[in-house]
């Protein structure tokens, strides 16, 4: 199966949070790239929902908040495409 992503992903398992219009939710960031991430969560979000993901930073006890759109979803979580590319 061919990878359709323009930007490579880094695998991880970071505990984090994301915000929706429904509130704040716990999650795990399972992989992340310059323009998106896979968010593992029990919460079902349909495609098109806007979320803000708190991505842990290198700095101790801080995070970067990235806004994006849910582009696909399954029983394990969802894929989010960030509005702006980030650089690691």
Protein backbone atom coordinates (compact mmCIF):
# COMPACT_ATOMS: atom_id res chain seq x y z
CA UNK A 1 0.00 0.00 0.00
CA UNK A 2 1.43 3.37 -1.04
CA UNK A 3 1.79 6.11 1.56
CA UNK A 4 -0.25 9.11 0.34
CA UNK A 5 1.32 11.56 2.80
CA UNK A 6 3.39 14.50 1.56
CA UNK A 7 5.23 14.71 4.88
CA UNK A 8 6.81 11.74 6.70
CA UNK A 9 5.53 10.77 10.14
CA UNK A 10 7.45 10.04 13.33
CA UNK A 11 6.05 7.28 15.52
CA UNK A 12 5.50 8.14 19.17
CA UNK A 13 3.13 7.49 22.05
CA UNK A 14 2.76 10.83 23.80
CA UNK A 15 0.00 11.39 26.34
CA UNK A 16 -1.76 14.63 25.49
CA UNK A 17 -5.05 16.52 25.21
CA UNK A 18 -7.15 17.93 22.43
CA UNK A 19 -9.97 20.44 22.50
CA UNK A 20 -13.21 20.45 20.51
CA UNK A 21 -16.38 22.46 20.78
CA UNK A 22 -17.47 19.72 23.21
CA UNK A 23 -14.62 20.32 25.66
CA UNK A 24 -11.15 19.01 26.54
CA UNK A 25 -10.31 15.32 25.96
CA UNK A 26 -7.40 13.03 26.83
CA UNK A 27 -5.58 11.25 24.02
CA UNK A 28 -2.34 9.69 22.83
CA UNK A 29 -0.47 11.08 19.85
CA UNK A 30 0.62 7.89 18.08
CA UNK A 31 2.44 9.49 15.15
CA UNK A 32 3.11 13.04 14.03
CA UNK A 33 4.45 14.84 10.99
CA UNK A 34 4.87 18.38 9.77
CA UNK A 35 1.27 18.65 8.63
CA UNK A 36 -0.69 16.11 10.70
CA UNK A 37 -0.97 13.41 13.34
CA UNK A 38 -2.87 10.30 14.38
CA UNK A 39 -4.75 10.89 17.63
CA UNK A 40 -5.76 7.80 19.61
CA UNK A 41 -8.95 8.42 21.59
CA UNK A 42 -12.24 6.81 22.58
CA UNK A 43 -14.16 9.87 21.41
CA UNK A 44 -15.69 9.57 17.95
CA UNK A 45 -15.33 12.73 15.88
CA UNK A 46 -16.72 12.87 12.34
CA UNK A 47 -14.57 14.16 9.49
CA UNK A 48 -14.53 17.93 9.20
CA UNK A 49 -14.52 18.68 12.94
CA UNK A 50 -12.01 21.31 14.04
CA UNK A 51 -9.70 20.37 16.92
CA UNK A 52 -6.80 21.95 18.78
CA UNK A 53 -4.13 19.44 19.77
CA UNK A 54 -1.60 20.07 22.54
CA UNK A 55 1.68 18.66 21.21
CA UNK A 56 4.30 18.16 23.95
CA UNK A 57 7.30 20.45 23.49
CA UNK A 58 10.98 19.84 24.13
CA UNK A 59 10.74 22.45 26.90
CA UNK A 60 9.79 20.94 30.23
CA UNK A 61 6.07 21.10 31.09
CA UNK A 62 5.02 22.96 27.94
CA UNK A 63 3.17 22.19 24.75
CA UNK A 64 2.46 23.67 21.35
CA UNK A 65 -1.20 24.09 20.50
CA UNK A 66 -2.00 23.23 16.89
CA UNK A 67 -5.36 23.75 15.23
CA UNK A 68 -6.46 21.34 12.55
CA UNK A 69 -9.27 19.42 10.89
CA UNK A 70 -10.27 15.78 11.30
CA UNK A 71 -9.64 14.22 7.87
CA UNK A 72 -10.41 10.56 8.66
CA UNK A 73 -11.62 8.52 11.59
CA UNK A 74 -11.77 4.87 12.72
CA UNK A 75 -12.51 2.89 15.89
CA UNK A 76 -9.11 3.83 17.39
CA UNK A 77 -9.11 7.59 16.83
CA UNK A 78 -8.67 10.08 14.02
CA UNK A 79 -6.23 11.69 11.66
CA UNK A 80 -5.85 15.44 11.94
CA UNK A 81 -4.42 17.76 9.30
CA UNK A 82 -2.83 20.86 10.85
CA UNK A 83 -3.67 24.25 9.38
CA UNK A 84 0.00 25.20 9.40
CA UNK A 85 3.03 22.98 8.96
CA UNK A 86 5.27 22.49 11.98
CA UNK A 87 9.00 21.75 11.88
CA UNK A 88 10.77 19.39 14.24
